[in-house]
PDB file of all heavy atoms in Angstrom:
ATOM      1  N   GLY A   1       0.781  -1.229   0.000  1.00  0.00           N
ATOM      2  CA  GLY A   1       0.000   0.000   0.000  1.00  0.00           C
ATOM      3  C   GLY A   1       0.809   1.273   0.000  1.00  0.00           C
ATOM      4  O   GLY A   1       0.568   2.187  -0.816  1.00  0.00           O
ATOM      5  N   ASP A   2       1.807   1.378   0.900  1.00  0.00           N
ATOM      6  CA  ASP A   2       2.574   2.625   0.968  1.00  0.00           C
ATOM      7  C   ASP A   2       3.439   2.810  -0.280  1.00  0.00           C
ATOM      8  O   ASP A   2       3.615   3.930  -0.770  1.00  0.00           O
ATOM      9  CB  ASP A   2       3.428   2.666   2.240  1.00  0.00           C
ATOM     10  CG  ASP A   2       4.345   1.463   2.374  1.00  0.00           C
ATOM     11  OD1 ASP A   2       4.154   0.464   1.648  1.00  0.00           O
ATOM     12  OD2 ASP A   2       5.270   1.518   3.220  1.00  0.00           O
ATOM     13  N   VAL A   3       3.963   1.716  -0.830  1.00  0.00           N
ATOM     14  CA  VAL A   3       4.753   1.793  -2.058  1.00  0.00           C
ATOM     15  C   VAL A   3       3.856   2.184  -3.229  1.00  0.00           C
ATOM     16  O   VAL A   3       4.260   2.957  -4.112  1.00  0.00           O
ATOM     17  CB  VAL A   3       5.456   0.441  -2.333  1.00  0.00           C
ATOM     18  CG1 VAL A   3       6.188   0.469  -3.673  1.00  0.00           C
ATOM     19  CG2 VAL A   3       6.424   0.104  -1.195  1.00  0.00           C
ATOM     20  N   GLU A   4       2.625   1.677  -3.230  1.00  0.00           N
ATOM     21  CA  GLU A   4       1.673   2.013  -4.295  1.00  0.00           C
ATOM     22  C   GLU A   4       1.374   3.510  -4.322  1.00  0.00           C
ATOM     23  O   GLU A   4       1.349   4.143  -5.384  1.00  0.00           O
ATOM     24  CB  GLU A   4       0.364   1.245  -4.080  1.00  0.00           C
ATOM     25  CG  GLU A   4      -0.614   1.336  -5.234  1.00  0.00           C
ATOM     26  CD  GLU A   4      -0.437   0.211  -6.238  1.00  0.00           C
ATOM     27  OE1 GLU A   4       0.623   0.168  -6.899  1.00  0.00           O
ATOM     28  OE2 GLU A   4      -1.365  -0.615  -6.351  1.00  0.00           O
ATOM     29  N   VAL A   5       1.174   4.092  -3.153  1.00  0.00           N
ATOM     30  CA  VAL A   5       0.867   5.518  -3.070  1.00  0.00           C
ATOM     31  C   VAL A   5       2.003   6.350  -3.665  1.00  0.00           C
ATOM     32  O   VAL A   5       1.797   7.240  -4.486  1.00  0.00           O
ATOM     33  CB  VAL A   5       0.579   5.933  -1.614  1.00  0.00           C
ATOM     34  CG1 VAL A   5       0.565   7.452  -1.475  1.00  0.00           C
ATOM     35  CG2 VAL A   5      -0.746   5.347  -1.154  1.00  0.00           C
ATOM     36  N   ARG A   6       3.242   6.043  -3.226  1.00  0.00           N
ATOM     37  CA  ARG A   6       4.366   6.828  -3.746  1.00  0.00           C
ATOM     38  C   ARG A   6       4.604   6.551  -5.226  1.00  0.00           C
ATOM     39  O   ARG A   6       4.953   7.458  -5.988  1.00  0.00           O
ATOM     40  CB  ARG A   6       5.640   6.558  -2.938  1.00  0.00           C
ATOM     41  CG  ARG A   6       6.833   7.351  -3.451  1.00  0.00           C
ATOM     42  CD  ARG A   6       8.000   7.360  -2.496  1.00  0.00           C
ATOM     43  NE  ARG A   6       7.775   8.295  -1.408  1.00  0.00           N
ATOM     44  CZ  ARG A   6       7.982   9.615  -1.495  1.00  0.00           C
ATOM     45  NH1 ARG A   6       8.402  10.146  -2.621  1.00  0.00           N
ATOM     46  NH2 ARG A   6       7.757  10.381  -0.462  1.00  0.00           N
ATOM     47  N   ALA A   7       4.407   5.304  -5.655  1.00  0.00           N
ATOM     48  CA  ALA A   7       4.592   4.989  -7.074  1.00  0.00           C
ATOM     49  C   ALA A   7       3.629   5.806  -7.926  1.00  0.00           C
ATOM     50  O   ALA A   7       3.998   6.311  -9.004  1.00  0.00           O
ATOM     51  CB  ALA A   7       4.383   3.495  -7.309  1.00  0.00           C
ATOM     52  N   LEU A   8       2.402   5.954  -7.463  1.00  0.00           N
ATOM     53  CA  LEU A   8       1.429   6.749  -8.206  1.00  0.00           C
ATOM     54  C   LEU A   8       1.888   8.196  -8.337  1.00  0.00           C
ATOM     55  O   LEU A   8       1.935   8.752  -9.442  1.00  0.00           O
ATOM     56  CB  LEU A   8       0.061   6.704  -7.507  1.00  0.00           C
ATOM     57  CG  LEU A   8      -0.951   7.740  -7.998  1.00  0.00           C
ATOM     58  CD1 LEU A   8      -1.464   7.376  -9.380  1.00  0.00           C
ATOM     59  CD2 LEU A   8      -2.088   7.909  -7.008  1.00  0.00           C
ATOM     60  N   ILE A   9       2.225   8.823  -7.187  1.00  0.00           N
ATOM     61  CA  ILE A   9       2.576  10.245  -7.199  1.00  0.00           C
ATOM     62  C   ILE A   9       3.862  10.484  -7.990  1.00  0.00           C
ATOM     63  O   ILE A   9       3.936  11.388  -8.833  1.00  0.00           O
ATOM     64  CB  ILE A   9       2.720  10.785  -5.765  1.00  0.00           C
ATOM     65  CG1 ILE A   9       1.382  10.699  -5.040  1.00  0.00           C
ATOM     66  CG2 ILE A   9       3.226  12.222  -5.776  1.00  0.00           C
ATOM     67  CD1 ILE A   9       0.258  11.470  -5.688  1.00  0.00           C
ATOM     68  N   GLU A  10       4.879   9.669  -7.747  1.00  0.00           N
ATOM     69  CA  GLU A  10       6.134   9.867  -8.473  1.00  0.00           C
ATOM     70  C   GLU A  10       5.953   9.581  -9.961  1.00  0.00           C
ATOM     71  O   GLU A  10       6.519  10.278 -10.813  1.00  0.00           O
ATOM     72  CB  GLU A  10       7.232   8.987  -7.876  1.00  0.00           C
ATOM     73  CG  GLU A  10       7.664   9.445  -6.482  1.00  0.00           C
ATOM     74  CD  GLU A  10       8.937   8.759  -6.014  1.00  0.00           C
ATOM     75  OE1 GLU A  10       9.386   7.799  -6.686  1.00  0.00           O
ATOM     76  OE2 GLU A  10       9.480   9.187  -4.980  1.00  0.00           O
ATOM     77  N   GLY A  11       5.146   8.580 -10.304  1.00  0.00           N
ATOM     78  CA  GLY A  11       4.908   8.269 -11.710  1.00  0.00           C
ATOM     79  C   GLY A  11       4.180   9.390 -12.420  1.00  0.00           C
ATOM     80  O   GLY A  11       4.504   9.740 -13.560  1.00  0.00           O
ATOM     81  N   GLN A  12       3.194   9.992 -11.742  1.00  0.00           N
ATOM     82  CA  GLN A  12       2.459  11.095 -12.362  1.00  0.00           C
ATOM     83  C   GLN A  12       3.372  12.292 -12.610  1.00  0.00           C
ATOM     84  O   GLN A  12       3.321  12.914 -13.674  1.00  0.00           O
ATOM     85  CB  GLN A  12       1.265  11.496 -11.484  1.00  0.00           C
ATOM     86  CG  GLN A  12       0.121  10.490 -11.516  1.00  0.00           C
ATOM     87  CD  GLN A  12      -1.118  11.005 -10.813  1.00  0.00           C
ATOM     88  OE1 GLN A  12      -1.054  11.768  -9.860  1.00  0.00           O
ATOM     89  NE2 GLN A  12      -2.281  10.571 -11.289  1.00  0.00           N
ATOM     90  N   PHE A  13       4.205  12.622 -11.625  1.00  0.00           N
ATOM     91  CA  PHE A  13       5.085  13.772 -11.813  1.00  0.00           C
ATOM     92  C   PHE A  13       6.226  13.467 -12.778  1.00  0.00           C
ATOM     93  O   PHE A  13       6.676  14.344 -13.520  1.00  0.00           O
ATOM     94  CB  PHE A  13       5.625  14.261 -10.464  1.00  0.00           C
ATOM     95  CG  PHE A  13       4.699  15.211  -9.776  1.00  0.00           C
ATOM     96  CD1 PHE A  13       3.621  14.748  -9.046  1.00  0.00           C
ATOM     97  CD2 PHE A  13       4.876  16.578  -9.883  1.00  0.00           C
ATOM     98  CE1 PHE A  13       2.734  15.614  -8.434  1.00  0.00           C
ATOM     99  CE2 PHE A  13       4.004  17.460  -9.280  1.00  0.00           C
ATOM    100  CZ  PHE A  13       2.927  16.979  -8.544  1.00  0.00           C
ATOM    101  N   MET A  14       6.686  12.233 -12.806  1.00  0.00           N
ATOM    102  CA  MET A  14       7.725  11.869 -13.761  1.00  0.00           C
ATOM    103  C   MET A  14       7.194  11.982 -15.189  1.00  0.00           C
ATOM    104  O   MET A  14       7.890  12.485 -16.088  1.00  0.00           O
ATOM    105  CB  MET A  14       8.213  10.442 -13.501  1.00  0.00           C
ATOM    106  CG  MET A  14       9.420  10.057 -14.330  1.00  0.00           C
ATOM    107  SD  MET A  14      10.023   8.400 -13.912  1.00  0.00           S
ATOM    108  CE  MET A  14      10.531   8.664 -12.209  1.00  0.00           C
ATOM    109  N   ALA A  15       5.953  11.538 -15.409  1.00  0.00           N
ATOM    110  CA  ALA A  15       5.356  11.645 -16.740  1.00  0.00           C
ATOM    111  C   ALA A  15       5.245  13.098 -17.155  1.00  0.00           C
ATOM    112  O   ALA A  15       5.513  13.453 -18.311  1.00  0.00           O
ATOM    113  CB  ALA A  15       3.981  10.979 -16.745  1.00  0.00           C
ATOM    114  N   LYS A  16       4.872  13.953 -16.221  1.00  0.00           N
ATOM    115  CA  LYS A  16       4.769  15.379 -16.535  1.00  0.00           C
ATOM    116  C   LYS A  16       6.123  15.941 -16.942  1.00  0.00           C
ATOM    117  O   LYS A  16       6.233  16.727 -17.886  1.00  0.00           O
ATOM    118  CB  LYS A  16       4.197  16.144 -15.333  1.00  0.00           C
ATOM    119  CG  LYS A  16       2.727  15.829 -15.057  1.00  0.00           C
ATOM    120  CD  LYS A  16       2.268  16.468 -13.770  1.00  0.00           C
ATOM    121  CE  LYS A  16       0.769  16.279 -13.546  1.00  0.00           C
ATOM    122  NZ  LYS A  16       0.343  14.883 -13.452  1.00  0.00           N
ATOM    123  N   ARG A  17       7.168  15.543 -16.234  1.00  0.00           N
ATOM    124  CA  ARG A  17       8.504  16.040 -16.573  1.00  0.00           C
ATOM    125  C   ARG A  17       8.942  15.536 -17.953  1.00  0.00           C
ATOM    126  O   ARG A  17       9.435  16.310 -18.782  1.00  0.00           O
ATOM    127  CB  ARG A  17       9.515  15.584 -15.527  1.00  0.00           C
ATOM    128  CG  ARG A  17      10.936  15.891 -15.959  1.00  0.00           C
ATOM    129  CD  ARG A  17      11.985  15.392 -15.009  1.00  0.00           C
ATOM    130  NE  ARG A  17      13.311  15.597 -15.599  1.00  0.00           N
ATOM    131  CZ  ARG A  17      14.440  15.531 -14.913  1.00  0.00           C
ATOM    132  NH1 ARG A  17      14.418  15.275 -13.628  1.00  0.00           N
ATOM    133  NH2 ARG A  17      15.591  15.720 -15.525  1.00  0.00           N
ATOM    134  N   ILE A  18       8.738  14.258 -18.203  1.00  0.00           N
ATOM    135  CA  ILE A  18       9.184  13.661 -19.467  1.00  0.00           C
ATOM    136  C   ILE A  18       8.525  14.367 -20.650  1.00  0.00           C
ATOM    137  O   ILE A  18       9.193  14.738 -21.631  1.00  0.00           O
ATOM    138  CB  ILE A  18       8.866  12.151 -19.492  1.00  0.00           C
ATOM    139  CG1 ILE A  18       9.769  11.407 -18.495  1.00  0.00           C
ATOM    140  CG2 ILE A  18       9.025  11.584 -20.901  1.00  0.00           C
ATOM    141  CD1 ILE A  18       9.340   9.970 -18.240  1.00  0.00           C
ATOM    142  N   HIS A  19       7.233  14.590 -20.568  1.00  0.00           N
ATOM    143  CA  HIS A  19       6.525  15.189 -21.697  1.00  0.00           C
ATOM    144  C   HIS A  19       6.803  16.682 -21.799  1.00  0.00           C
ATOM    145  O   HIS A  19       6.819  17.241 -22.902  1.00  0.00           O
ATOM    146  CB  HIS A  19       5.032  14.894 -21.589  1.00  0.00           C
ATOM    147  CG  HIS A  19       4.699  13.451 -21.810  1.00  0.00           C
ATOM    148  ND1 HIS A  19       4.776  12.857 -23.048  1.00  0.00           N
ATOM    149  CD2 HIS A  19       4.351  12.464 -20.941  1.00  0.00           C
ATOM    150  CE1 HIS A  19       4.457  11.575 -22.943  1.00  0.00           C
ATOM    151  NE2 HIS A  19       4.192  11.314 -21.685  1.00  0.00           N
ATOM    152  N   ALA A  20       7.054  17.336 -20.668  1.00  0.00           N
ATOM    153  CA  ALA A  20       7.447  18.748 -20.715  1.00  0.00           C
ATOM    154  C   ALA A  20       8.792  18.911 -21.416  1.00  0.00           C
ATOM    155  O   ALA A  20       8.971  19.815 -22.236  1.00  0.00           O
ATOM    156  CB  ALA A  20       7.519  19.319 -19.300  1.00  0.00           C
ATOM    157  N   GLU A  21       9.728  18.031 -21.126  1.00  0.00           N
ATOM    158  CA  GLU A  21      11.035  18.100 -21.777  1.00  0.00           C
ATOM    159  C   GLU A  21      10.907  17.814 -23.270  1.00  0.00           C
ATOM    160  O   GLU A  21      11.646  18.367 -24.086  1.00  0.00           O
ATOM    161  CB  GLU A  21      12.001  17.121 -21.117  1.00  0.00           C
ATOM    162  CG  GLU A  21      12.418  17.549 -19.706  1.00  0.00           C
ATOM    163  CD  GLU A  21      13.430  16.607 -19.091  1.00  0.00           C
ATOM    164  OE1 GLU A  21      13.446  15.413 -19.470  1.00  0.00           O
ATOM    165  OE2 GLU A  21      14.204  17.053 -18.224  1.00  0.00           O
ATOM    166  N   GLY A  22       9.930  16.965 -23.632  1.00  0.00           N
ATOM    167  CA  GLY A  22       9.720  16.672 -25.041  1.00  0.00           C
ATOM    168  C   GLY A  22       9.266  17.879 -25.836  1.00  0.00           C
ATOM    169  O   GLY A  22       9.434  17.923 -27.054  1.00  0.00           O
ATOM    170  N   LEU A  23       8.684  18.882 -25.146  1.00  0.00           N
ATOM    171  CA  LEU A  23       8.236  20.100 -25.813  1.00  0.00           C
ATOM    172  C   LEU A  23       9.260  21.224 -25.733  1.00  0.00           C
ATOM    173  O   LEU A  23       9.013  22.324 -26.218  1.00  0.00           O
ATOM    174  CB  LEU A  23       6.914  20.571 -25.193  1.00  0.00           C
ATOM    175  CG  LEU A  23       5.700  19.665 -25.438  1.00  0.00           C
ATOM    176  CD1 LEU A  23       4.491  20.190 -24.678  1.00  0.00           C
ATOM    177  CD2 LEU A  23       5.380  19.562 -26.924  1.00  0.00           C
ATOM    178  N   GLY A  24      10.404  20.956 -25.104  1.00  0.00           N
ATOM    179  CA  GLY A  24      11.456  21.969 -25.065  1.00  0.00           C
ATOM    180  C   GLY A  24      11.781  22.501 -23.685  1.00  0.00           C
ATOM    181  O   GLY A  24      12.704  23.303 -23.528  1.00  0.00           O
ATOM    182  N   TYR A  25      11.041  22.088 -22.656  1.00  0.00           N
ATOM    183  CA  TYR A  25      11.308  22.569 -21.299  1.00  0.00           C
ATOM    184  C   TYR A  25      12.443  21.749 -20.692  1.00  0.00           C
ATOM    185  O   TYR A  25      12.543  20.552 -20.909  1.00  0.00           O
ATOM    186  CB  TYR A  25      10.053  22.445 -20.436  1.00  0.00           C
ATOM    187  CG  TYR A  25      10.211  23.054 -19.064  1.00  0.00           C
ATOM    188  CD1 TYR A  25      10.062  24.422 -18.884  1.00  0.00           C
ATOM    189  CD2 TYR A  25      10.510  22.276 -17.960  1.00  0.00           C
ATOM    190  CE1 TYR A  25      10.200  25.004 -17.638  1.00  0.00           C
ATOM    191  CE2 TYR A  25      10.656  22.841 -16.704  1.00  0.00           C
ATOM    192  CZ  TYR A  25      10.498  24.200 -16.549  1.00  0.00           C
ATOM    193  OH  TYR A  25      10.644  24.754 -15.308  1.00  0.00           O
ATOM    194  N   ARG A  26      13.283  22.417 -19.913  1.00  0.00           N
ATOM    195  CA  ARG A  26      14.400  21.729 -19.277  1.00  0.00           C
ATOM    196  C   ARG A  26      14.339  21.882 -17.770  1.00  0.00           C
ATOM    197  O   ARG A  26      14.352  22.994 -17.250  1.00  0.00           O
ATOM    198  CB  ARG A  26      15.743  22.277 -19.790  1.00  0.00           C
ATOM    199  CG  ARG A  26      16.010  21.901 -21.246  1.00  0.00           C
ATOM    200  CD  ARG A  26      16.241  20.394 -21.383  1.00  0.00           C
ATOM    201  NE  ARG A  26      16.329  19.971 -22.777  1.00  0.00           N
ATOM    202  CZ  ARG A  26      15.332  19.425 -23.449  1.00  0.00           C
ATOM    203  NH1 ARG A  26      14.159  19.262 -22.875  1.00  0.00           N
ATOM    204  NH2 ARG A  26      15.485  19.047 -24.703  1.00  0.00           N
ATOM    205  N   VAL A  27      14.224  20.753 -17.067  1.00  0.00           N
ATOM    206  CA  VAL A  27      14.252  20.740 -15.610  1.00  0.00           C
ATOM    207  C   VAL A  27      15.698  20.531 -15.189  1.00  0.00           C
ATOM    208  O   VAL A  27      16.339  19.561 -15.586  1.00  0.00           O
ATOM    209  CB  VAL A  27      13.359  19.609 -15.056  1.00  0.00           C
ATOM    210  CG1 VAL A  27      13.396  19.602 -13.532  1.00  0.00           C
ATOM    211  CG2 VAL A  27      11.926  19.790 -15.539  1.00  0.00           C
ATOM    212  N   LYS A  28      16.239  21.445 -14.370  1.00  0.00           N
ATOM    213  CA  LYS A  28      17.654  21.364 -14.003  1.00  0.00           C
ATOM    214  C   LYS A  28      17.924  20.246 -13.012  1.00  0.00           C
ATOM    215  O   LYS A  28      18.917  19.540 -13.114  1.00  0.00           O
ATOM    216  CB  LYS A  28      18.106  22.705 -13.436  1.00  0.00           C
ATOM    217  CG  LYS A  28      18.125  23.837 -14.451  1.00  0.00           C
ATOM    218  CD  LYS A  28      18.643  25.120 -13.831  1.00  0.00           C
ATOM    219  CE  LYS A  28      18.676  26.244 -14.861  1.00  0.00           C
ATOM    220  NZ  LYS A  28      19.166  27.515 -14.273  1.00  0.00           N
ATOM    221  N   ARG A  29      17.062  20.110 -11.998  1.00  0.00           N
ATOM    222  CA  ARG A  29      17.309  19.090 -10.992  1.00  0.00           C
ATOM    223  C   ARG A  29      16.018  18.348 -10.689  1.00  0.00           C
ATOM    224  O   ARG A  29      15.005  18.951 -10.373  1.00  0.00           O
ATOM    225  CB  ARG A  29      17.826  19.730  -9.699  1.00  0.00           C
ATOM    226  CG  ARG A  29      19.219  20.332  -9.807  1.00  0.00           C
ATOM    227  CD  ARG A  29      19.711  20.815  -8.458  1.00  0.00           C
ATOM    228  NE  ARG A  29      18.850  21.863  -7.926  1.00  0.00           N
ATOM    229  CZ  ARG A  29      18.899  22.297  -6.669  1.00  0.00           C
ATOM    230  NH1 ARG A  29      19.755  21.762  -5.831  1.00  0.00           N
ATOM    231  NH2 ARG A  29      18.090  23.258  -6.258  1.00  0.00           N
ATOM    232  N   LEU A  30      16.065  17.049 -10.787  1.00  0.00           N
ATOM    233  CA  LEU A  30      14.901  16.242 -10.459  1.00  0.00           C
ATOM    234  C   LEU A  30      14.504  16.456  -9.008  1.00  0.00           C
ATOM    235  O   LEU A  30      13.325  16.473  -8.667  1.00  0.00           O
ATOM    236  CB  LEU A  30      15.206  14.760 -10.712  1.00  0.00           C
ATOM    237  CG  LEU A  30      14.053  13.776 -10.518  1.00  0.00           C
ATOM    238  CD1 LEU A  30      12.913  14.123 -11.455  1.00  0.00           C
ATOM    239  CD2 LEU A  30      14.507  12.359 -10.760  1.00  0.00           C
ATOM    240  N   LYS A  31      15.469  16.707  -8.143  1.00  0.00           N
ATOM    241  CA  LYS A  31      15.187  16.909  -6.730  1.00  0.00           C
ATOM    242  C   LYS A  31      14.221  18.063  -6.522  1.00  0.00           C
ATOM    243  O   LYS A  31      13.363  18.019  -5.638  1.00  0.00           O
ATOM    244  CB  LYS A  31      16.489  17.174  -5.967  1.00  0.00           C
ATOM    245  CG  LYS A  31      16.297  17.411  -4.464  1.00  0.00           C
ATOM    246  CD  LYS A  31      17.627  17.655  -3.795  1.00  0.00           C
ATOM    247  CE  LYS A  31      17.431  17.936  -2.308  1.00  0.00           C
ATOM    248  NZ  LYS A  31      18.708  18.213  -1.631  1.00  0.00           N
ATOM    249  N   ASP A  32      14.351  19.093  -7.316  1.00  0.00           N
ATOM    250  CA  ASP A  32      13.469  20.248  -7.177  1.00  0.00           C
ATOM    251  C   ASP A  32      12.021  19.855  -7.406  1.00  0.00           C
ATOM    252  O   ASP A  32      11.125  20.341  -6.723  1.00  0.00           O
ATOM    253  CB  ASP A  32      13.871  21.345  -8.168  1.00  0.00           C
ATOM    254  CG  ASP A  32      15.183  21.996  -7.796  1.00  0.00           C
ATOM    255  OD1 ASP A  32      15.620  21.842  -6.647  1.00  0.00           O
ATOM    256  OD2 ASP A  32      15.762  22.656  -8.665  1.00  0.00           O
ATOM    257  N   VAL A  33      11.789  18.985  -8.366  1.00  0.00           N
ATOM    258  CA  VAL A  33      10.426  18.568  -8.649  1.00  0.00           C
ATOM    259  C   VAL A  33       9.860  17.799  -7.460  1.00  0.00           C
ATOM    260  O   VAL A  33       8.763  18.054  -6.992  1.00  0.00           O
ATOM    261  CB  VAL A  33      10.384  17.689  -9.920  1.00  0.00           C
ATOM    262  CG1 VAL A  33       8.969  17.190 -10.170  1.00  0.00           C
ATOM    263  CG2 VAL A  33      10.881  18.483 -11.117  1.00  0.00           C
ATOM    264  N   PHE A  34      10.640  16.848  -6.941  1.00  0.00           N
ATOM    265  CA  PHE A  34      10.146  16.054  -5.832  1.00  0.00           C
ATOM    266  C   PHE A  34      10.028  16.883  -4.557  1.00  0.00           C
ATOM    267  O   PHE A  34       9.145  16.682  -3.749  1.00  0.00           O
ATOM    268  CB  PHE A  34      11.069  14.847  -5.578  1.00  0.00           C
ATOM    269  CG  PHE A  34      10.939  13.793  -6.624  1.00  0.00           C
ATOM    270  CD1 PHE A  34      12.050  13.198  -7.177  1.00  0.00           C
ATOM    271  CD2 PHE A  34       9.690  13.402  -7.067  1.00  0.00           C
ATOM    272  CE1 PHE A  34      11.921  12.228  -8.156  1.00  0.00           C
ATOM    273  CE2 PHE A  34       9.548  12.433  -8.040  1.00  0.00           C
ATOM    274  CZ  PHE A  34      10.682  11.838  -8.584  1.00  0.00           C
ATOM    275  N   TRP A  35      10.953  17.845  -4.372  1.00  0.00           N
ATOM    276  CA  TRP A  35      10.852  18.715  -3.201  1.00  0.00           C
ATOM    277  C   TRP A  35       9.552  19.489  -3.214  1.00  0.00           C
ATOM    278  O   TRP A  35       8.842  19.579  -2.225  1.00  0.00           O
ATOM    279  CB  TRP A  35      12.025  19.695  -3.174  1.00  0.00           C
ATOM    280  CG  TRP A  35      11.965  20.657  -2.026  1.00  0.00           C
ATOM    281  CD1 TRP A  35      12.417  20.463  -0.768  1.00  0.00           C
ATOM    282  CD2 TRP A  35      11.406  21.969  -2.046  1.00  0.00           C
ATOM    283  NE1 TRP A  35      12.174  21.569   0.013  1.00  0.00           N
ATOM    284  CE2 TRP A  35      11.562  22.498  -0.749  1.00  0.00           C
ATOM    285  CE3 TRP A  35      10.791  22.744  -3.022  1.00  0.00           C
ATOM    286  CZ2 TRP A  35      11.118  23.776  -0.417  1.00  0.00           C
ATOM    287  CZ3 TRP A  35      10.348  24.017  -2.690  1.00  0.00           C
ATOM    288  CH2 TRP A  35      10.523  24.519  -1.402  1.00  0.00           C
ATOM    289  N   ALA A  36       9.194  20.022  -4.391  1.00  0.00           N
ATOM    290  CA  ALA A  36       7.943  20.765  -4.500  1.00  0.00           C
ATOM    291  C   ALA A  36       6.767  19.845  -4.201  1.00  0.00           C
ATOM    292  O   ALA A  36       5.815  20.237  -3.530  1.00  0.00           O
ATOM    293  CB  ALA A  36       7.812  21.370  -5.889  1.00  0.00           C
ATOM    294  N   LYS A  37       6.867  18.617  -4.673  1.00  0.00           N
ATOM    295  CA  LYS A  37       5.786  17.679  -4.433  1.00  0.00           C
ATOM    296  C   LYS A  37       5.643  17.385  -2.952  1.00  0.00           C
ATOM    297  O   LYS A  37       4.551  17.353  -2.388  1.00  0.00           O
ATOM    298  CB  LYS A  37       6.055  16.386  -5.195  1.00  0.00           C
ATOM    299  CG  LYS A  37       4.982  15.331  -5.031  1.00  0.00           C
ATOM    300  CD  LYS A  37       5.446  14.004  -5.565  1.00  0.00           C
ATOM    301  CE  LYS A  37       6.643  13.527  -4.784  1.00  0.00           C
ATOM    302  NZ  LYS A  37       7.176  12.260  -5.303  1.00  0.00           N
ATOM    303  N   GLU A  38       6.772  17.189  -2.264  1.00  0.00           N
ATOM    304  CA  GLU A  38       6.725  16.926  -0.834  1.00  0.00           C
ATOM    305  C   GLU A  38       6.137  18.103  -0.075  1.00  0.00           C
ATOM    306  O   GLU A  38       5.381  17.947   0.853  1.00  0.00           O
ATOM    307  CB  GLU A  38       8.144  16.640  -0.305  1.00  0.00           C
ATOM    308  CG  GLU A  38       8.781  15.379  -0.862  1.00  0.00           C
ATOM    309  CD  GLU A  38       8.171  14.118  -0.287  1.00  0.00           C
ATOM    310  OE1 GLU A  38       7.377  14.223   0.647  1.00  0.00           O
ATOM    311  OE2 GLU A  38       8.499  13.029  -0.775  1.00  0.00           O
ATOM    312  N   LYS A  39       6.482  19.306  -0.527  1.00  0.00           N
ATOM    313  CA  LYS A  39       6.037  20.498   0.190  1.00  0.00           C
ATOM    314  C   LYS A  39       4.521  20.670   0.144  1.00  0.00           C
ATOM    315  O   LYS A  39       3.951  21.310   1.017  1.00  0.00           O
ATOM    316  CB  LYS A  39       6.694  21.744  -0.395  1.00  0.00           C
ATOM    317  CG  LYS A  39       8.184  21.842  -0.103  1.00  0.00           C
ATOM    318  CD  LYS A  39       8.439  22.133   1.348  1.00  0.00           C
ATOM    319  CE  LYS A  39       8.131  23.572   1.688  1.00  0.00           C
ATOM    320  NZ  LYS A  39       8.495  23.919   3.061  1.00  0.00           N
TER     321      LYS A  39
END
């Protein structure tokens, strides 16, 4: 259960990053994305 919850959230945000980069956006640090998510 706890792994499922994090897999969902991290997978959703990872997909957003991947497709954003495909359109020309560049994320400098993956940590920043996850930090924002944690916050």
